[in-house]
Amino acid sequence: MNVRNLLADAFDSAASRIRNNSCGMTDQEMESALHKMLYLLDNDHHFNEADARAAIARMYFFSDDTHKCYAPFFSYEDIRAAYDKMLLTLPDDYNFWDFCVTVNLMYSNHIETLRSWFHDRSRLLQKSCELARSFLLDEDSDHPSDKIWWYVNS
């Protein structure tokens, strides 16, 4: 059987379970799945403002054993200023909202290392932006022109 038929069968099965209310998903999980599916079908795998803000709001790191610190970790205005400065060194495919998601992801994923190297808030933003640029420039991916969207939504 080819992959196209397997995928179609999987979608048919999922649709049947959703219609019969036997999929085990919460309303919030269904809404998230719907947004991902619609975005996937749109063929524009880049963030818009609403989807970026939603993705960023789900990012966090642990400040200690029990407390989470949720994104956004930097103001959108500060990220916009950094984006404008770095624009010419970023791949053309990525928009401001892609960059915002990536900056927050880099900060949440590398918080301990970043904070051990830098204590100044502006340096933390600068280095998070440099990590974001490096991540977006890395073509070692199945989706080099829309890497951050696939990373966050897979």
N, C-alpha and C. Protein backbone atom coordinates (compact mmCIF):
# COMPACT_ATOMS: atom_id res chain seq x y z
N MET A 1 0.85 -1.17 0.00
CA MET A 1 0.00 0.00 0.00
C MET A 1 0.90 1.24 0.00
N ASN A 2 0.52 2.24 -0.73
CA ASN A 2 1.37 3.43 -0.78
C ASN A 2 1.02 4.41 0.35
N VAL A 3 1.91 5.34 0.58
CA VAL A 3 1.76 6.30 1.68
C VAL A 3 0.51 7.14 1.53
N ARG A 4 0.15 7.49 0.30
CA ARG A 4 -1.05 8.29 0.08
C ARG A 4 -2.29 7.57 0.62
N ASN A 5 -2.42 6.28 0.33
CA ASN A 5 -3.57 5.53 0.82
C ASN A 5 -3.53 5.38 2.34
N LEU A 6 -2.34 5.15 2.90
CA LEU A 6 -2.21 5.04 4.36
C LEU A 6 -2.63 6.34 5.04
N LEU A 7 -2.20 7.45 4.49
CA LEU A 7 -2.56 8.75 5.05
C LEU A 7 -4.06 8.98 4.95
N ALA A 8 -4.65 8.68 3.81
CA ALA A 8 -6.09 8.86 3.63
C ALA A 8 -6.87 7.97 4.61
N ASP A 9 -6.43 6.74 4.80
CA ASP A 9 -7.09 5.84 5.75
C ASP A 9 -6.98 6.37 7.18
N ALA A 10 -5.81 6.89 7.53
CA ALA A 10 -5.63 7.44 8.87
C ALA A 10 -6.54 8.64 9.09
N PHE A 11 -6.67 9.50 8.08
CA PHE A 11 -7.57 10.65 8.21
C PHE A 11 -9.02 10.21 8.32
N ASP A 12 -9.41 9.22 7.53
CA ASP A 12 -10.78 8.70 7.61
C ASP A 12 -11.08 8.16 9.01
N SER A 13 -10.13 7.42 9.55
CA SER A 13 -10.30 6.85 10.89
C SER A 13 -10.39 7.96 11.94
N ALA A 14 -9.52 8.95 11.85
CA ALA A 14 -9.54 10.07 12.79
C ALA A 14 -10.85 10.84 12.70
N ALA A 15 -11.32 11.09 11.47
CA ALA A 15 -12.57 11.82 11.28
C ALA A 15 -13.74 11.05 11.88
N SER A 16 -13.75 9.75 11.70
CA SER A 16 -14.82 8.93 12.26
C SER A 16 -14.81 8.99 13.80
N ARG A 17 -13.64 8.90 14.39
CA ARG A 17 -13.53 8.96 15.86
C ARG A 17 -13.95 10.33 16.39
N ILE A 18 -13.62 11.38 15.66
CA ILE A 18 -14.01 12.73 16.09
C ILE A 18 -15.53 12.88 16.00
N ARG A 19 -16.12 12.42 14.89
CA ARG A 19 -17.58 12.52 14.73
C ARG A 19 -18.32 11.72 15.80
N ASN A 20 -17.77 10.57 16.20
CA ASN A 20 -18.41 9.70 17.20
C ASN A 20 -18.04 10.10 18.63
N ASN A 21 -17.26 11.16 18.76
CA ASN A 21 -16.81 11.64 20.07
C ASN A 21 -16.06 10.56 20.85
N SER A 22 -15.28 9.77 20.13
CA SER A 22 -14.50 8.71 20.79
C SER A 22 -13.00 8.89 20.59
N CYS A 23 -12.59 10.10 20.29
CA CYS A 23 -11.17 10.33 20.04
C CYS A 23 -10.39 10.60 21.31
N GLY A 24 -11.08 10.94 22.40
CA GLY A 24 -10.41 11.16 23.67
C GLY A 24 -9.74 12.53 23.79
N MET A 25 -10.03 13.43 22.85
CA MET A 25 -9.42 14.75 22.88
C MET A 25 -10.33 15.74 23.60
N THR A 26 -9.71 16.66 24.32
CA THR A 26 -10.48 17.74 24.94
C THR A 26 -10.85 18.75 23.86
N ASP A 27 -11.76 19.65 24.20
CA ASP A 27 -12.13 20.71 23.25
C ASP A 27 -10.92 21.56 22.89
N GLN A 28 -10.08 21.83 23.86
CA GLN A 28 -8.87 22.63 23.62
C GLN A 28 -7.93 21.89 22.67
N GLU A 29 -7.75 20.60 22.86
CA GLU A 29 -6.89 19.81 21.97
C GLU A 29 -7.47 19.76 20.56
N MET A 30 -8.80 19.65 20.46
CA MET A 30 -9.44 19.64 19.13
C MET A 30 -9.25 20.97 18.43
N GLU A 31 -9.40 22.06 19.18
CA GLU A 31 -9.21 23.39 18.58
C GLU A 31 -7.77 23.55 18.09
N SER A 32 -6.82 23.10 18.88
CA SER A 32 -5.42 23.17 18.49
C SER A 32 -5.17 22.32 17.25
N ALA A 33 -5.72 21.12 17.22
CA ALA A 33 -5.56 20.25 16.05
C ALA A 33 -6.20 20.87 14.82
N LEU A 34 -7.35 21.51 14.99
CA LEU A 34 -8.02 22.17 13.87
C LEU A 34 -7.15 23.29 13.30
N HIS A 35 -6.59 24.11 14.18
CA HIS A 35 -5.73 25.20 13.71
C HIS A 35 -4.51 24.66 12.96
N LYS A 36 -3.92 23.61 13.49
CA LYS A 36 -2.75 23.01 12.83
C LYS A 36 -3.13 22.44 11.46
N MET A 37 -4.27 21.77 11.38
CA MET A 37 -4.69 21.17 10.13
C MET A 37 -5.00 22.25 9.09
N LEU A 38 -5.72 23.28 9.49
CA LEU A 38 -6.04 24.35 8.56
C LEU A 38 -4.78 25.05 8.09
N TYR A 39 -3.85 25.24 9.00
CA TYR A 39 -2.60 25.90 8.64
C TYR A 39 -1.79 25.02 7.70
N LEU A 40 -1.78 23.72 7.96
CA LEU A 40 -1.08 22.77 7.10
C LEU A 40 -1.67 22.78 5.70
N LEU A 41 -2.98 22.81 5.60
CA LEU A 41 -3.65 22.81 4.31
C LEU A 41 -3.48 24.12 3.55
N ASP A 42 -3.14 25.18 4.28
CA ASP A 42 -2.98 26.49 3.68
C ASP A 42 -1.72 26.58 2.82
N ASN A 43 -0.77 25.69 3.00
CA ASN A 43 0.51 25.68 2.27
C ASN A 43 1.40 26.88 2.59
N ASP A 44 1.04 27.70 3.53
CA ASP A 44 1.87 28.81 3.96
C ASP A 44 2.32 28.51 5.38
N HIS A 45 3.39 27.81 5.50
CA HIS A 45 3.84 27.33 6.80
C HIS A 45 4.71 28.35 7.51
N HIS A 46 4.12 29.50 7.75
CA HIS A 46 4.76 30.57 8.49
C HIS A 46 3.74 31.12 9.47
N PHE A 47 4.23 31.71 10.52
CA PHE A 47 3.35 32.21 11.56
C PHE A 47 2.73 33.54 11.19
N ASN A 48 1.46 33.69 11.54
CA ASN A 48 0.83 34.99 11.55
C ASN A 48 0.78 35.43 13.01
N GLU A 49 0.29 36.62 13.27
CA GLU A 49 0.34 37.14 14.64
C GLU A 49 -0.41 36.26 15.64
N ALA A 50 -1.62 35.88 15.30
CA ALA A 50 -2.44 35.10 16.24
C ALA A 50 -1.81 33.75 16.55
N ASP A 51 -1.36 33.05 15.52
CA ASP A 51 -0.75 31.74 15.74
C ASP A 51 0.59 31.84 16.46
N ALA A 52 1.34 32.89 16.17
CA ALA A 52 2.63 33.08 16.84
C ALA A 52 2.41 33.36 18.32
N ARG A 53 1.48 34.24 18.63
CA ARG A 53 1.21 34.55 20.04
C ARG A 53 0.73 33.31 20.79
N ALA A 54 -0.07 32.48 20.13
CA ALA A 54 -0.55 31.25 20.76
C ALA A 54 0.61 30.28 21.00
N ALA A 55 1.48 30.13 20.01
CA ALA A 55 2.63 29.23 20.16
C ALA A 55 3.57 29.73 21.25
N ILE A 56 3.81 31.02 21.29
CA ILE A 56 4.70 31.60 22.30
C ILE A 56 4.11 31.43 23.69
N ALA A 57 2.81 31.60 23.81
CA ALA A 57 2.16 31.49 25.12
C ALA A 57 2.28 30.09 25.72
N ARG A 58 2.55 29.10 24.90
CA ARG A 58 2.72 27.72 25.39
C ARG A 58 4.16 27.43 25.81
N MET A 59 5.08 28.33 25.54
CA MET A 59 6.49 28.11 25.87
C MET A 59 6.77 28.48 27.31
N TYR A 60 7.64 27.72 27.95
CA TYR A 60 8.00 28.00 29.34
C TYR A 60 9.33 27.35 29.67
N PHE A 61 9.85 27.73 30.83
CA PHE A 61 10.97 27.03 31.44
C PHE A 61 10.68 26.97 32.93
N PHE A 62 11.36 26.08 33.62
CA PHE A 62 11.20 25.96 35.06
C PHE A 62 12.20 26.87 35.76
N SER A 63 11.70 27.76 36.61
CA SER A 63 12.60 28.63 37.38
C SER A 63 13.13 27.91 38.61
N ASP A 64 12.43 26.88 39.04
CA ASP A 64 12.89 25.98 40.10
C ASP A 64 12.14 24.66 39.90
N ASP A 65 12.12 23.82 40.87
CA ASP A 65 11.52 22.49 40.69
C ASP A 65 10.02 22.50 40.41
N THR A 66 9.34 23.56 40.81
CA THR A 66 7.88 23.54 40.68
C THR A 66 7.28 24.75 39.97
N HIS A 67 8.06 25.76 39.66
CA HIS A 67 7.50 26.99 39.07
C HIS A 67 7.90 27.16 37.61
N LYS A 68 6.87 27.39 36.79
CA LYS A 68 7.10 27.62 35.36
C LYS A 68 7.07 29.12 35.08
N CYS A 69 7.95 29.56 34.20
CA CYS A 69 7.93 30.93 33.68
C CYS A 69 7.51 30.84 32.22
N TYR A 70 6.39 31.46 31.90
CA TYR A 70 5.84 31.38 30.56
C TYR A 70 6.29 32.56 29.70
N ALA A 71 6.38 32.31 28.40
CA ALA A 71 6.71 33.34 27.42
C ALA A 71 5.48 34.22 27.22
N PRO A 72 5.63 35.40 26.64
CA PRO A 72 6.83 35.89 25.97
C PRO A 72 7.89 36.36 26.98
N PHE A 73 9.13 36.08 26.62
CA PHE A 73 10.24 36.41 27.49
C PHE A 73 10.80 37.80 27.21
N PHE A 74 10.47 38.34 26.05
CA PHE A 74 10.89 39.69 25.67
C PHE A 74 9.68 40.39 25.05
N SER A 75 9.67 41.71 25.10
CA SER A 75 8.55 42.43 24.51
C SER A 75 8.62 42.31 22.98
N TYR A 76 7.46 42.37 22.36
CA TYR A 76 7.41 42.30 20.90
C TYR A 76 8.10 43.50 20.27
N GLU A 77 8.06 44.63 20.95
CA GLU A 77 8.75 45.82 20.44
C GLU A 77 10.26 45.61 20.42
N ASP A 78 10.80 45.01 21.49
CA ASP A 78 12.25 44.75 21.54
C ASP A 78 12.66 43.73 20.48
N ILE A 79 11.82 42.71 20.30
CA ILE A 79 12.13 41.71 19.27
C ILE A 79 12.02 42.35 17.88
N ARG A 80 11.05 43.23 17.69
CA ARG A 80 10.90 43.92 16.40
C ARG A 80 12.16 44.73 16.08
N ALA A 81 12.70 45.44 17.07
CA ALA A 81 13.91 46.24 16.86
C ALA A 81 15.08 45.34 16.47
N ALA A 82 15.21 44.20 17.14
CA ALA A 82 16.29 43.26 16.81
C ALA A 82 16.07 42.66 15.43
N TYR A 83 14.82 42.31 15.11
CA TYR A 83 14.48 41.76 13.80
C TYR A 83 14.84 42.74 12.69
N ASP A 84 14.49 44.01 12.89
CA ASP A 84 14.79 45.02 11.87
C ASP A 84 16.29 45.14 11.63
N LYS A 85 17.08 45.01 12.70
CA LYS A 85 18.55 45.08 12.56
C LYS A 85 19.12 43.85 11.86
N MET A 86 18.49 42.69 12.08
CA MET A 86 19.01 41.43 11.56
C MET A 86 18.37 41.01 10.24
N LEU A 87 17.40 41.75 9.78
CA LEU A 87 16.58 41.36 8.64
C LEU A 87 17.40 40.91 7.43
N LEU A 88 18.43 41.64 7.09
CA LEU A 88 19.22 41.32 5.90
C LEU A 88 20.04 40.03 6.06
N THR A 89 20.22 39.57 7.29
CA THR A 89 20.99 38.35 7.52
C THR A 89 20.10 37.14 7.78
N LEU A 90 18.79 37.35 7.72
CA LEU A 90 17.85 36.25 7.92
C LEU A 90 17.39 35.71 6.57
N PRO A 91 17.04 34.43 6.51
CA PRO A 91 16.49 33.90 5.26
C PRO A 91 15.23 34.67 4.86
N ASP A 92 15.07 34.90 3.57
CA ASP A 92 13.93 35.68 3.06
C ASP A 92 12.58 35.07 3.40
N ASP A 93 12.55 33.75 3.59
CA ASP A 93 11.27 33.07 3.81
C ASP A 93 10.61 33.42 5.14
N TYR A 94 11.40 33.85 6.12
CA TYR A 94 10.88 34.01 7.47
C TYR A 94 10.39 35.43 7.74
N ASN A 95 9.22 35.53 8.35
CA ASN A 95 8.65 36.82 8.68
C ASN A 95 8.92 37.17 10.15
N PHE A 96 8.45 38.31 10.57
CA PHE A 96 8.66 38.77 11.94
C PHE A 96 8.09 37.79 12.95
N TRP A 97 6.91 37.24 12.70
CA TRP A 97 6.29 36.34 13.67
C TRP A 97 7.03 35.01 13.76
N ASP A 98 7.58 34.54 12.65
CA ASP A 98 8.45 33.36 12.69
C ASP A 98 9.63 33.64 13.62
N PHE A 99 10.21 34.83 13.47
CA PHE A 99 11.36 35.22 14.26
C PHE A 99 11.00 35.32 15.75
N CYS A 100 9.85 35.90 16.06
CA CYS A 100 9.40 36.00 17.46
C CYS A 100 9.29 34.63 18.11
N VAL A 101 8.67 33.71 17.40
CA VAL A 101 8.52 32.36 17.93
C VAL A 101 9.90 31.74 18.17
N THR A 102 10.79 31.91 17.22
CA THR A 102 12.12 31.31 17.32
C THR A 102 12.92 31.92 18.47
N VAL A 103 12.86 33.23 18.64
CA VAL A 103 13.59 33.88 19.74
C VAL A 103 13.11 33.35 21.08
N ASN A 104 11.81 33.27 21.26
CA ASN A 104 11.27 32.76 22.52
C ASN A 104 11.61 31.29 22.73
N LEU A 105 11.59 30.52 21.66
CA LEU A 105 11.96 29.11 21.75
C LEU A 105 13.43 28.95 22.16
N MET A 106 14.29 29.73 21.55
CA MET A 106 15.72 29.65 21.88
C MET A 106 15.95 30.03 23.34
N TYR A 107 15.27 31.06 23.80
CA TYR A 107 15.42 31.48 25.19
C TYR A 107 14.94 30.37 26.14
N SER A 108 13.77 29.81 25.88
CA SER A 108 13.24 28.78 26.78
C SER A 108 14.08 27.50 26.74
N ASN A 109 14.64 27.18 25.58
CA ASN A 109 15.44 25.95 25.46
C ASN A 109 16.85 26.10 25.99
N HIS A 110 17.37 27.33 26.02
CA HIS A 110 18.76 27.54 26.40
C HIS A 110 18.92 28.48 27.58
N ILE A 111 17.89 28.62 28.39
CA ILE A 111 17.88 29.60 29.47
C ILE A 111 19.04 29.43 30.44
N GLU A 112 19.33 28.21 30.84
CA GLU A 112 20.40 28.01 31.83
C GLU A 112 21.76 28.43 31.27
N THR A 113 22.05 28.06 30.05
CA THR A 113 23.32 28.44 29.44
C THR A 113 23.39 29.94 29.22
N LEU A 114 22.34 30.51 28.67
CA LEU A 114 22.32 31.96 28.42
C LEU A 114 22.51 32.75 29.71
N ARG A 115 21.81 32.37 30.75
CA ARG A 115 21.92 33.11 32.02
C ARG A 115 23.27 32.90 32.69
N SER A 116 23.92 31.76 32.43
CA SER A 116 25.25 31.57 33.03
C SER A 116 26.29 32.43 32.31
N TRP A 117 26.05 32.78 31.06
CA TRP A 117 26.98 33.59 30.29
C TRP A 117 26.69 35.08 30.39
N PHE A 118 25.40 35.43 30.45
CA PHE A 118 25.00 36.84 30.37
C PHE A 118 23.97 37.15 31.45
N HIS A 119 24.14 38.29 32.10
CA HIS A 119 23.19 38.69 33.14
C HIS A 119 22.37 39.90 32.71
N ASP A 120 22.90 40.65 31.79
CA ASP A 120 22.23 41.85 31.29
C ASP A 120 21.08 41.45 30.36
N ARG A 121 19.91 42.01 30.60
CA ARG A 121 18.71 41.66 29.83
C ARG A 121 18.87 41.92 28.33
N SER A 122 19.53 43.01 27.97
CA SER A 122 19.70 43.30 26.54
C SER A 122 20.65 42.30 25.89
N ARG A 123 21.63 41.82 26.63
CA ARG A 123 22.53 40.79 26.08
C ARG A 123 21.80 39.46 25.94
N LEU A 124 20.91 39.16 26.86
CA LEU A 124 20.11 37.93 26.76
C LEU A 124 19.25 37.96 25.50
N LEU A 125 18.65 39.11 25.23
CA LEU A 125 17.85 39.26 24.00
C LEU A 125 18.75 39.13 22.78
N GLN A 126 19.86 39.83 22.78
CA GLN A 126 20.77 39.79 21.63
C GLN A 126 21.22 38.37 21.33
N LYS A 127 21.63 37.64 22.35
CA LYS A 127 22.12 36.27 22.14
C LYS A 127 20.99 35.32 21.76
N SER A 128 19.80 35.54 22.30
CA SER A 128 18.65 34.73 21.91
C SER A 128 18.32 34.97 20.44
N CYS A 129 18.46 36.22 19.99
CA CYS A 129 18.23 36.55 18.57
C CYS A 129 19.30 35.90 17.69
N GLU A 130 20.53 35.88 18.16
CA GLU A 130 21.59 35.23 17.38
C GLU A 130 21.36 33.73 17.28
N LEU A 131 20.92 33.13 18.38
CA LEU A 131 20.56 31.70 18.32
C LEU A 131 19.40 31.47 17.36
N ALA A 132 18.42 32.37 17.38
CA ALA A 132 17.27 32.25 16.48
C ALA A 132 17.72 32.32 15.03
N ARG A 133 18.58 33.27 14.72
CA ARG A 133 19.09 33.39 13.35
C ARG A 133 19.83 32.11 12.95
N SER A 134 20.67 31.61 13.83
CA SER A 134 21.42 30.38 13.54
C SER A 134 20.46 29.21 13.29
N PHE A 135 19.42 29.11 14.10
CA PHE A 135 18.42 28.05 13.93
C PHE A 135 17.73 28.17 12.57
N LEU A 136 17.33 29.38 12.21
CA LEU A 136 16.61 29.58 10.95
C LEU A 136 17.52 29.40 9.73
N LEU A 137 18.80 29.69 9.88
CA LEU A 137 19.74 29.54 8.77
C LEU A 137 20.17 28.09 8.55
N ASP A 138 20.00 27.26 9.56
CA ASP A 138 20.42 25.87 9.46
C ASP A 138 19.50 25.12 8.50
N GLU A 139 20.04 24.71 7.38
CA GLU A 139 19.23 24.03 6.37
C GLU A 139 19.20 22.52 6.56
N ASP A 140 19.79 22.04 7.64
CA ASP A 140 19.81 20.62 7.92
C ASP A 140 18.45 20.22 8.51
N SER A 141 17.45 20.24 7.65
CA SER A 141 16.08 20.04 8.06
C SER A 141 15.27 19.54 6.87
N ASP A 142 14.20 18.83 7.14
CA ASP A 142 13.30 18.43 6.07
C ASP A 142 12.51 19.62 5.53
N HIS A 143 12.50 20.71 6.30
CA HIS A 143 11.72 21.90 5.94
C HIS A 143 12.58 23.15 6.11
N PRO A 144 13.60 23.34 5.28
CA PRO A 144 14.53 24.45 5.51
C PRO A 144 13.93 25.84 5.34
N SER A 145 12.83 25.98 4.61
CA SER A 145 12.27 27.32 4.40
C SER A 145 11.11 27.63 5.35
N ASP A 146 10.68 26.66 6.13
CA ASP A 146 9.62 26.89 7.11
C ASP A 146 9.86 26.03 8.36
N LYS A 147 11.12 25.96 8.73
CA LYS A 147 11.59 25.08 9.80
C LYS A 147 10.90 25.35 11.14
N ILE A 148 10.78 26.60 11.52
CA ILE A 148 10.22 26.90 12.85
C ILE A 148 8.76 26.48 12.92
N TRP A 149 8.00 26.68 11.86
CA TRP A 149 6.59 26.26 11.89
C TRP A 149 6.48 24.76 12.11
N TRP A 150 7.27 23.98 11.39
CA TRP A 150 7.22 22.54 11.54
C TRP A 150 7.75 22.10 12.89
N TYR A 151 8.76 22.76 13.39
CA TYR A 151 9.32 22.40 14.70
C TYR A 151 8.28 22.58 15.79
N VAL A 152 7.58 23.68 15.77
CA VAL A 152 6.59 23.99 16.81
C VAL A 152 5.31 23.18 16.62
N ASN A 153 4.92 22.90 15.40
CA ASN A 153 3.63 22.28 15.13
C ASN A 153 3.69 20.79 14.83
N SER A 154 4.81 20.17 15.03
CA SER A 154 4.90 18.72 14.76
C SER A 154 4.81 17.94 16.04
